[in-house]
Protein backbone atom coordinates (compact mmCIF):
# COMPACT_ATOMS: atom_id res chain seq x y z
CA MET A 1 2.55 14.19 -14.48
CA PRO A 2 1.94 15.41 -18.00
CA GLU A 3 4.77 15.05 -20.47
CA SER A 4 3.81 18.33 -22.17
CA LYS A 5 5.29 20.54 -19.43
CA GLU A 6 9.01 20.94 -18.93
CA MET A 7 9.71 20.07 -15.30
CA ILE A 8 12.72 20.53 -13.01
CA ASP A 9 13.46 19.22 -9.53
CA VAL A 10 13.61 21.93 -6.86
CA HIS A 11 14.86 21.01 -3.42
CA VAL A 12 13.08 23.05 -0.75
CA ASN A 13 12.00 22.87 2.85
CA VAL A 14 8.24 22.51 3.20
CA GLU A 15 6.35 22.55 6.48
CA ILE A 16 3.73 19.82 6.78
CA THR A 17 1.89 18.45 9.78
CA THR A 18 2.98 15.31 11.54
CA GLU A 19 -0.40 13.81 10.63
CA THR A 20 0.38 14.38 6.96
CA ILE A 21 3.73 12.60 7.11
CA GLN A 22 2.20 9.75 9.12
CA ALA A 23 -0.54 9.31 6.51
CA ILE A 24 1.98 9.28 3.65
CA VAL A 25 4.19 6.71 5.39
CA GLU A 26 1.21 4.53 6.34
CA ASN A 27 -0.29 4.57 2.85
CA ALA A 28 3.05 4.05 1.12
CA LYS A 29 3.66 0.98 3.29
CA LYS A 30 0.17 -0.35 2.51
CA ILE A 31 0.80 0.00 -1.22
CA ALA A 32 4.34 -1.43 -1.14
CA GLY A 33 3.60 -4.26 1.26
CA PRO A 34 6.26 -6.09 3.23
CA ASP A 35 8.98 -8.13 1.57
CA GLU A 36 9.61 -11.80 2.42
CA LYS A 37 11.37 -10.78 5.64
CA GLY A 38 8.54 -8.44 6.70
CA PHE A 39 10.40 -5.23 5.85
CA TYR A 40 8.82 -2.40 3.87
CA ARG A 41 11.04 -1.31 0.98
CA VAL A 42 9.63 2.10 0.13
CA ASP A 43 11.36 5.48 0.05
CA THR A 44 8.94 7.63 1.99
CA ALA A 45 10.89 10.82 1.22
CA ASP A 46 10.37 10.14 -2.49
CA LYS A 47 6.69 9.51 -1.81
CA VAL A 48 6.37 12.86 0.01
CA SER A 49 7.99 14.59 -2.98
CA GLU A 50 5.70 12.75 -5.40
CA MET A 51 2.56 13.62 -3.42
CA ILE A 52 3.43 17.32 -3.09
CA SER A 53 4.40 17.58 -6.77
CA ARG A 54 1.18 15.92 -7.90
CA PHE A 55 -0.89 18.15 -5.61
CA LEU A 56 0.77 21.32 -6.95
CA LEU A 57 0.25 20.25 -10.55
CA GLU A 58 -3.36 19.15 -10.09
CA ASN A 59 -4.25 22.34 -8.19
CA ASP A 60 -2.62 24.67 -10.73
CA PHE A 61 0.19 26.06 -8.60
CA GLU A 62 1.53 27.71 -11.74
CA ARG A 63 -1.58 29.90 -12.03
CA TYR A 64 -1.38 30.66 -8.30
CA VAL A 65 2.22 31.93 -8.46
CA LYS A 66 1.53 34.03 -11.55
CA ASN A 67 -0.98 36.10 -9.56
CA VAL A 68 0.98 38.87 -7.85
CA GLU A 69 -1.80 39.27 -5.26
CA ASN A 70 -0.76 35.93 -3.74
CA TYR A 71 2.60 37.39 -2.69
CA LYS A 72 1.10 39.71 -0.08
């Protein structure tokens, strides 16, 4: 994420499909790979947070929330 924007962590409940969470877990495990004992050492909750944050930034969520018409 760009360093030029001041960012804060906000803890919220977000509804996503089971297919979405399965895809995140599967892809995170592929990237991390198993350790020497065959275990995957990846925090999938952190990966969900990272993916949602990146999506919101890349798709200009800030512009979206500034438009009062989106609150209806």
